[in-house]
Amino acid sequence: AERVSVDLDPGHAIADPMRLPLQLRAVARLLPAIAKVAVIRTWSGCEGYVRDMLPVMGRSATTPGLFHAFGFCGHGFQLGPGVGDAMAELITTGRCETPLDDFRVDRFDCAA
């Protein structure tokens, strides 16, 4: 993935089609079989980055019944299955064998 600055005024990221050939050449060096693919659509989006580069996971500090799992700093797809397991366990049983204390949403509060 290529990281570029994002203009937040329009409310969404914009894929620059002029950059696509360069990106495809870079991918083809790693995965030669992709060199002859036909691109039919592209997607762009904003990734959530948290100040300390750690995700937020667990119960909401303010809203009962609300659970958080966000801010994976570009690693959400890789971590998704494990995060899903941990969050499902927490939501369904009220507990989680995976320690989540370091990922509390209130860790940024002055009193936390």
C-alpha atoms as a PDB file:
ATOM      1  CA  ALA A   1       0.000   0.000   0.000  1.00  0.00           C
ATOM      2  CA  GLU A   2       1.129   3.485  -0.723  1.00  0.00           C
ATOM      3  CA  ARG A   3       0.610   6.186   1.869  1.00  0.00           C
ATOM      4  CA  VAL A   4      -0.260   9.641   0.633  1.00  0.00           C
ATOM      5  CA  SER A   5      -1.661  12.705   2.331  1.00  0.00           C
ATOM      6  CA  VAL A   6      -5.448  12.913   2.471  1.00  0.00           C
ATOM      7  CA  ASP A   7      -7.563  16.020   2.019  1.00  0.00           C
ATOM      8  CA  LEU A   8     -10.333  15.543   4.574  1.00  0.00           C
ATOM      9  CA  ASP A   9     -12.517  18.354   3.207  1.00  0.00           C
ATOM     10  CA  PRO A  10     -14.414  16.187   0.702  1.00  0.00           C
ATOM     11  CA  GLY A  11     -15.001  13.621   3.451  1.00  0.00           C
ATOM     12  CA  HIS A  12     -13.299  10.731   1.652  1.00  0.00           C
ATOM     13  CA  ALA A  13      -9.959   9.704   0.216  1.00  0.00           C
ATOM     14  CA  ILE A  14      -9.376   9.904  -3.521  1.00  0.00           C
ATOM     15  CA  ALA A  15      -7.420   7.317  -5.517  1.00  0.00           C
ATOM     16  CA  ASP A  16      -5.102   8.946  -8.065  1.00  0.00           C
ATOM     17  CA  PRO A  17      -5.272   6.811 -11.236  1.00  0.00           C
ATOM     18  CA  MET A  18      -1.975   8.310 -12.441  1.00  0.00           C
ATOM     19  CA  ARG A  19      -0.174   6.515  -9.593  1.00  0.00           C
ATOM     20  CA  LEU A  20      -1.627   3.091 -10.374  1.00  0.00           C
ATOM     21  CA  PRO A  21       0.952   1.990 -13.011  1.00  0.00           C
ATOM     22  CA  LEU A  22       3.836   2.676 -10.617  1.00  0.00           C
ATOM     23  CA  GLN A  23       2.073   0.795  -7.838  1.00  0.00           C
ATOM     24  CA  LEU A  24       1.344  -2.188 -10.110  1.00  0.00           C
ATOM     25  CA  ARG A  25       4.986  -2.383 -11.225  1.00  0.00           C
ATOM     26  CA  ALA A  26       6.081  -2.464  -7.583  1.00  0.00           C
ATOM     27  CA  VAL A  27       3.603  -5.248  -6.796  1.00  0.00           C
ATOM     28  CA  ALA A  28       4.645  -7.219  -9.913  1.00  0.00           C
ATOM     29  CA  ARG A  29       8.257  -7.267  -8.707  1.00  0.00           C
ATOM     30  CA  LEU A  30       7.062  -9.094  -5.600  1.00  0.00           C
ATOM     31  CA  LEU A  31       4.382 -11.178  -7.300  1.00  0.00           C
ATOM     32  CA  PRO A  32       5.229 -11.646 -11.012  1.00  0.00           C
ATOM     33  CA  ALA A  33       1.953 -13.469 -11.752  1.00  0.00           C
ATOM     34  CA  ILE A  34       0.085 -10.202 -11.236  1.00  0.00           C
ATOM     35  CA  ALA A  35       1.980  -8.402 -14.018  1.00  0.00           C
ATOM     36  CA  LYS A  36      -0.663  -9.042 -16.671  1.00  0.00           C
ATOM     37  CA  VAL A  37      -3.830  -8.466 -14.659  1.00  0.00           C
ATOM     38  CA  ALA A  38      -6.468  -6.028 -15.815  1.00  0.00           C
ATOM     39  CA  VAL A  39      -7.478  -3.615 -13.070  1.00  0.00           C
ATOM     40  CA  ILE A  40     -11.233  -3.109 -13.148  1.00  0.00           C
ATOM     41  CA  ARG A  41     -11.563  -0.900 -10.056  1.00  0.00           C
ATOM     42  CA  THR A  42      -9.495   0.662  -7.298  1.00  0.00           C
ATOM     43  CA  TRP A  43     -10.259   1.648  -3.739  1.00  0.00           C
ATOM     44  CA  SER A  44      -8.789   4.180  -1.385  1.00  0.00           C
ATOM     45  CA  GLY A  45      -9.485   4.891   2.219  1.00  0.00           C
ATOM     46  CA  CYS A  46      -8.199   6.422   5.396  1.00  0.00           C
ATOM     47  CA  GLU A  47      -6.529   4.239   7.998  1.00  0.00           C
ATOM     48  CA  GLY A  48      -7.071   4.934  11.669  1.00  0.00           C
ATOM     49  CA  TYR A  49      -3.910   5.812  13.550  1.00  0.00           C
ATOM     50  CA  VAL A  50      -3.889   6.226  17.311  1.00  0.00           C
ATOM     51  CA  ARG A  51      -1.447   8.511  19.128  1.00  0.00           C
ATOM     52  CA  ASP A  52       0.498   5.641  20.731  1.00  0.00           C
ATOM     53  CA  MET A  53       0.207   3.391  17.634  1.00  0.00           C
ATOM     54  CA  LEU A  54      -1.713   0.740  19.616  1.00  0.00           C
ATOM     55  CA  PRO A  55      -5.306  -0.205  18.819  1.00  0.00           C
ATOM     56  CA  VAL A  56      -8.275   0.481  21.058  1.00  0.00           C
ATOM     57  CA  MET A  57     -10.043  -2.708  22.116  1.00  0.00           C
ATOM     58  CA  GLY A  58     -12.508  -3.525  24.843  1.00  0.00           C
ATOM     59  CA  ARG A  59     -15.523  -2.081  26.615  1.00  0.00           C
ATOM     60  CA  SER A  60     -16.480   1.550  26.275  1.00  0.00           C
ATOM     61  CA  ALA A  61     -15.513   3.612  29.305  1.00  0.00           C
ATOM     62  CA  THR A  62     -18.753   5.616  29.060  1.00  0.00           C
ATOM     63  CA  THR A  63     -21.450   3.592  27.287  1.00  0.00           C
ATOM     64  CA  PRO A  64     -22.663   0.246  28.664  1.00  0.00           C
ATOM     65  CA  GLY A  65     -22.953  -2.427  25.981  1.00  0.00           C
ATOM     66  CA  LEU A  66     -20.627  -0.624  23.548  1.00  0.00           C
ATOM     67  CA  PHE A  67     -17.353  -2.316  22.609  1.00  0.00           C
ATOM     68  CA  HIS A  68     -14.426  -0.830  20.689  1.00  0.00           C
ATOM     69  CA  ALA A  69     -12.036  -2.405  18.181  1.00  0.00           C
ATOM     70  CA  PHE A  70     -10.387   0.298  16.051  1.00  0.00           C
ATOM     71  CA  GLY A  71      -7.165   2.170  15.358  1.00  0.00           C
ATOM     72  CA  PHE A  72      -5.046  -0.704  14.064  1.00  0.00           C
ATOM     73  CA  CYS A  73      -2.707   1.703  12.249  1.00  0.00           C
ATOM     74  CA  GLY A  74      -2.884  -0.086   8.916  1.00  0.00           C
ATOM     75  CA  HIS A  75      -2.766  -3.630  10.322  1.00  0.00           C
ATOM     76  CA  GLY A  76      -6.479  -4.325  10.726  1.00  0.00           C
ATOM     77  CA  PHE A  77      -6.720  -6.876   7.917  1.00  0.00           C
ATOM     78  CA  GLN A  78      -3.867  -8.947   9.334  1.00  0.00           C
ATOM     79  CA  LEU A  79      -5.125  -8.739  12.911  1.00  0.00           C
ATOM     80  CA  GLY A  80      -8.833  -9.046  12.114  1.00  0.00           C
ATOM     81  CA  PRO A  81      -9.295 -12.774  12.811  1.00  0.00           C
ATOM     82  CA  GLY A  82      -7.582 -12.627  16.214  1.00  0.00           C
ATOM     83  CA  VAL A  83      -9.312  -9.391  17.144  1.00  0.00           C
ATOM     84  CA  GLY A  84     -12.646 -10.919  16.156  1.00  0.00           C
ATOM     85  CA  ASP A  85     -12.016 -13.938  18.379  1.00  0.00           C
ATOM     86  CA  ALA A  86     -10.992 -11.801  21.362  1.00  0.00           C
ATOM     87  CA  MET A  87     -13.894  -9.382  20.966  1.00  0.00           C
ATOM     88  CA  ALA A  88     -16.425 -12.196  20.465  1.00  0.00           C
ATOM     89  CA  GLU A  89     -15.209 -13.822  23.676  1.00  0.00           C
ATOM     90  CA  LEU A  90     -15.415 -10.527  25.582  1.00  0.00           C
ATOM     91  CA  ILE A  91     -18.858  -9.642  24.258  1.00  0.00           C
ATOM     92  CA  THR A  92     -20.420 -13.081  24.752  1.00  0.00           C
ATOM     93  CA  THR A  93     -18.853 -14.072  28.083  1.00  0.00           C
ATOM     94  CA  GLY A  94     -17.873 -10.744  29.646  1.00  0.00           C
ATOM     95  CA  ARG A  95     -14.277 -11.951  29.908  1.00  0.00           C
ATOM     96  CA  CYS A  96     -11.331 -12.445  27.590  1.00  0.00           C
ATOM     97  CA  GLU A  97      -8.332 -14.742  27.996  1.00  0.00           C
ATOM     98  CA  THR A  98      -6.304 -12.331  25.856  1.00  0.00           C
ATOM     99  CA  PRO A  99      -5.110  -9.448  28.063  1.00  0.00           C
ATOM    100  CA  LEU A 100      -6.706  -6.258  26.711  1.00  0.00           C
ATOM    101  CA  ASP A 101      -5.853  -3.768  29.495  1.00  0.00           C
ATOM    102  CA  ASP A 102      -3.147  -2.048  27.424  1.00  0.00           C
ATOM    103  CA  PHE A 103      -5.724  -1.324  24.720  1.00  0.00           C
ATOM    104  CA  ARG A 104      -8.367   0.410  26.906  1.00  0.00           C
ATOM    105  CA  VAL A 105     -10.103   3.376  25.300  1.00  0.00           C
ATOM    106  CA  ASP A 106      -9.626   5.452  28.473  1.00  0.00           C
ATOM    107  CA  ARG A 107      -5.830   5.126  28.453  1.00  0.00           C
ATOM    108  CA  PHE A 108      -5.641   8.629  26.983  1.00  0.00           C
ATOM    109  CA  ASP A 109      -7.628  10.208  29.832  1.00  0.00           C
ATOM    110  CA  CYS A 110      -5.530  12.396  32.119  1.00  0.00           C
ATOM    111  CA  ALA A 111      -6.668  10.399  35.160  1.00  0.00           C
ATOM    112  CA  ALA A 112      -6.027   6.983  33.547  1.00  0.00           C
END
